[in-house]
């Protein structure tokens, strides 16, 4: 007889994966992740910043840090040289 156990945090995160796009390339990411994980996943180059695209208003910078980030299914991100985004300094 097998005993079931409540899912662990890792098991729960594994089930909540979404497809996102970084620089027009498809990636699978946990719904709950970090900025640094997105930079790694998208192979964002040094001296580049990752921006979350918004339909209205300015795109939102994603910090390259361990701060939590929630991503949505089919959310789009793009990388730009840091010196092209003067507000990033």
C-alpha atoms as a PDB file:
ATOM      1  CA  UNK A   1       0.000   0.000   0.000  1.00  0.00           C
ATOM      2  CA  UNK A   2       1.428   3.347  -1.017  1.00  0.00           C
ATOM      3  CA  UNK A   3       1.004   6.384   1.157  1.00  0.00           C
ATOM      4  CA  UNK A   4       0.476   9.660  -0.598  1.00  0.00           C
ATOM      5  CA  UNK A   5       2.056  12.773   0.760  1.00  0.00           C
ATOM      6  CA  UNK A   6       1.339  16.426   0.115  1.00  0.00           C
ATOM      7  CA  UNK A   7       3.426  17.685  -2.801  1.00  0.00           C
ATOM      8  CA  UNK A   8       6.718  19.260  -1.879  1.00  0.00           C
ATOM      9  CA  UNK A   9       7.459  22.849  -2.889  1.00  0.00           C
ATOM     10  CA  UNK A  10       9.688  21.561  -5.704  1.00  0.00           C
ATOM     11  CA  UNK A  11       7.000  19.195  -6.984  1.00  0.00           C
ATOM     12  CA  UNK A  12       4.442  22.005  -6.933  1.00  0.00           C
ATOM     13  CA  UNK A  13       6.783  24.348  -8.819  1.00  0.00           C
ATOM     14  CA  UNK A  14       7.495  21.652 -11.427  1.00  0.00           C
ATOM     15  CA  UNK A  15       3.773  21.452 -12.214  1.00  0.00           C
ATOM     16  CA  UNK A  16       3.459  25.210 -12.711  1.00  0.00           C
ATOM     17  CA  UNK A  17       5.683  25.707 -15.731  1.00  0.00           C
ATOM     18  CA  UNK A  18       4.851  28.179 -18.457  1.00  0.00           C
ATOM     19  CA  UNK A  19       6.105  28.951 -21.940  1.00  0.00           C
ATOM     20  CA  UNK A  20       7.752  32.365 -22.208  1.00  0.00           C
ATOM     21  CA  UNK A  21       9.703  34.105 -24.942  1.00  0.00           C
ATOM     22  CA  UNK A  22      13.083  35.766 -24.445  1.00  0.00           C
ATOM     23  CA  UNK A  23      14.386  37.575 -27.534  1.00  0.00           C
ATOM     24  CA  UNK A  24      11.742  35.720 -29.606  1.00  0.00           C
ATOM     25  CA  UNK A  25      12.971  32.274 -28.485  1.00  0.00           C
ATOM     26  CA  UNK A  26      10.600  29.934 -26.689  1.00  0.00           C
ATOM     27  CA  UNK A  27      11.594  28.768 -23.189  1.00  0.00           C
ATOM     28  CA  UNK A  28       9.875  26.796 -20.445  1.00  0.00           C
ATOM     29  CA  UNK A  29      10.136  28.394 -17.009  1.00  0.00           C
ATOM     30  CA  UNK A  30       8.635  27.825 -13.594  1.00  0.00           C
ATOM     31  CA  UNK A  31       5.785  30.281 -12.969  1.00  0.00           C
ATOM     32  CA  UNK A  32       7.636  31.421  -9.837  1.00  0.00           C
ATOM     33  CA  UNK A  33      11.296  32.096 -10.645  1.00  0.00           C
ATOM     34  CA  UNK A  34      13.973  34.767 -10.192  1.00  0.00           C
ATOM     35  CA  UNK A  35      15.369  37.496 -12.399  1.00  0.00           C
ATOM     36  CA  UNK A  36      18.783  35.850 -12.454  1.00  0.00           C
ATOM     37  CA  UNK A  37      17.192  32.560 -13.561  1.00  0.00           C
ATOM     38  CA  UNK A  38      15.537  34.380 -16.487  1.00  0.00           C
ATOM     39  CA  UNK A  39      18.866  35.992 -17.464  1.00  0.00           C
ATOM     40  CA  UNK A  40      20.470  32.532 -17.440  1.00  0.00           C
ATOM     41  CA  UNK A  41      17.573  30.875 -19.288  1.00  0.00           C
ATOM     42  CA  UNK A  42      17.645  33.509 -22.026  1.00  0.00           C
ATOM     43  CA  UNK A  43      21.446  33.646 -22.155  1.00  0.00           C
ATOM     44  CA  UNK A  44      21.301  37.413 -21.711  1.00  0.00           C
ATOM     45  CA  UNK A  45      24.712  38.879 -22.464  1.00  0.00           C
ATOM     46  CA  UNK A  46      26.853  40.859 -20.036  1.00  0.00           C
ATOM     47  CA  UNK A  47      26.010  44.586 -20.050  1.00  0.00           C
ATOM     48  CA  UNK A  48      22.497  43.810 -21.294  1.00  0.00           C
ATOM     49  CA  UNK A  49      19.257  44.264 -19.401  1.00  0.00           C
ATOM     50  CA  UNK A  50      16.144  42.103 -19.652  1.00  0.00           C
ATOM     51  CA  UNK A  51      12.833  43.910 -20.123  1.00  0.00           C
ATOM     52  CA  UNK A  52       9.338  42.463 -19.726  1.00  0.00           C
ATOM     53  CA  UNK A  53       7.235  43.648 -22.661  1.00  0.00           C
ATOM     54  CA  UNK A  54       4.015  45.506 -21.892  1.00  0.00           C
ATOM     55  CA  UNK A  55       1.228  46.230 -24.367  1.00  0.00           C
ATOM     56  CA  UNK A  56       0.554  49.576 -22.734  1.00  0.00           C
ATOM     57  CA  UNK A  57       3.201  51.813 -21.277  1.00  0.00           C
ATOM     58  CA  UNK A  58       6.904  51.253 -20.941  1.00  0.00           C
ATOM     59  CA  UNK A  59       8.464  47.803 -20.802  1.00  0.00           C
ATOM     60  CA  UNK A  60       9.468  46.816 -17.268  1.00  0.00           C
ATOM     61  CA  UNK A  61      13.113  46.080 -16.346  1.00  0.00           C
ATOM     62  CA  UNK A  62      13.732  42.678 -14.763  1.00  0.00           C
ATOM     63  CA  UNK A  63      16.479  42.891 -12.114  1.00  0.00           C
ATOM     64  CA  UNK A  64      19.297  40.367 -12.499  1.00  0.00           C
ATOM     65  CA  UNK A  65      18.943  39.220  -8.900  1.00  0.00           C
ATOM     66  CA  UNK A  66      17.520  36.468  -6.721  1.00  0.00           C
ATOM     67  CA  UNK A  67      14.382  38.528  -6.094  1.00  0.00           C
ATOM     68  CA  UNK A  68      11.251  36.500  -6.882  1.00  0.00           C
ATOM     69  CA  UNK A  69       9.589  37.033 -10.264  1.00  0.00           C
ATOM     70  CA  UNK A  70       6.280  35.552 -11.423  1.00  0.00           C
ATOM     71  CA  UNK A  71       5.973  34.948 -15.159  1.00  0.00           C
ATOM     72  CA  UNK A  72       2.812  34.362 -17.161  1.00  0.00           C
ATOM     73  CA  UNK A  73       2.116  31.954 -19.993  1.00  0.00           C
ATOM     74  CA  UNK A  74       3.410  33.417 -23.291  1.00  0.00           C
ATOM     75  CA  UNK A  75       4.927  36.457 -21.576  1.00  0.00           C
ATOM     76  CA  UNK A  76       7.569  38.148 -23.723  1.00  0.00           C
ATOM     77  CA  UNK A  77      10.935  39.551 -22.702  1.00  0.00           C
ATOM     78  CA  UNK A  78      13.723  41.177 -24.694  1.00  0.00           C
ATOM     79  CA  UNK A  79      17.289  42.132 -23.903  1.00  0.00           C
ATOM     80  CA  UNK A  80      18.807  45.520 -24.663  1.00  0.00           C
ATOM     81  CA  UNK A  81      22.246  47.015 -24.027  1.00  0.00           C
ATOM     82  CA  UNK A  82      22.202  48.758 -20.656  1.00  0.00           C
ATOM     83  CA  UNK A  83      23.476  52.014 -22.176  1.00  0.00           C
ATOM     84  CA  UNK A  84      20.363  52.161 -24.413  1.00  0.00           C
ATOM     85  CA  UNK A  85      18.128  52.320 -21.346  1.00  0.00           C
ATOM     86  CA  UNK A  86      19.230  55.479 -19.482  1.00  0.00           C
ATOM     87  CA  UNK A  87      16.666  54.889 -16.748  1.00  0.00           C
ATOM     88  CA  UNK A  88      18.474  51.714 -15.724  1.00  0.00           C
ATOM     89  CA  UNK A  89      21.410  53.583 -14.135  1.00  0.00           C
END
